[in-house]
Amino acid sequence: MSQRGAARQLGVSERMMRYYCASRELADHTDAPYCVQFALESLASFNERQEAGRTS
């Protein structure tokens, strides 16, 4: 899933998603709030399970 797609699914702006995903060394980096991090991890897990179901 793209950053754009993840942002859309989570209801955050594309700009904020870019800030969250930026390298920590960059001035643009922003730590994601816990709720966003948790939601992103849950979304990634869901998508992995969906993909695994399609390939079996």
Foldseek 3Di string as FASTA:
>chain_A
DDLCVLCVVVVHDSLVSCQCPDDPVDPSHDPDPPVSVVSSVVVVVVVVVVVVVVVD
